[in-house]
Amino acid sequence: MLTINAGLRAKILAHARADHPDEACGIVAGPAGSDRPERFVSMLNAERSPTFYRFDSLEQLRVWREMDERGEEPVVIYHSHTATEAFPSRTDISYAMEPGAHYVLVSTRDPDRDEFRSFRIVDGDVTEEAVTVVPE
C-alpha cells in the first residue's frame, strides 16, 4: 500500500496537468528503507511526448546522486498518461528498474477527474496497490 500526504499527491497531479498534452514525470524521494515519500522532485520528460516519457539522463544522474548524498531513495516514481487510463504500458513495465518503488500513474485524459493509481512492478509483474492519502 502507498501512503502519501495530500500535498504530495496534489503536486504530482498539478505537474501532470501543467505538462499536458505531454507526459509528465518525476519522483518522490524518501529516507532509504522507510517507504515514506517526502521530497517531491519534478523532472523533465526528455521525449517531450504525449505518449512516452524518459528521464533526461543528466538530470537523472544528478537527482540520484543527490538522493545518495541525502540518504534517500526513490519511494515513488510517477508519470502521466495523456489519453489513456492510469495503467502501466508495456514500455512502462520494461523500464521499471526500482523493485522497491511505488509506480504512480495519473491520467490527464479527463480534465474534470483525478485518476491517480499506484503499482508495484517487479520482474515484469504488475500489481495494483491501494493508495491512502493522509493530511499534510
Foldseek 3Di string as FASTA:
>chain_A
DQEAAPVLVVVQVVQQVVLPVAKWWFFFKDAPPPLYGDRTDTFDQPVSHLADGDGDVVVVVVVVVVCVVVNIDGQEIEMEHEADAFDDDQVNLVPPDDQNHWYWYWYCPDVVDTHIWTWGRDPSDTDTDDYHYHHD
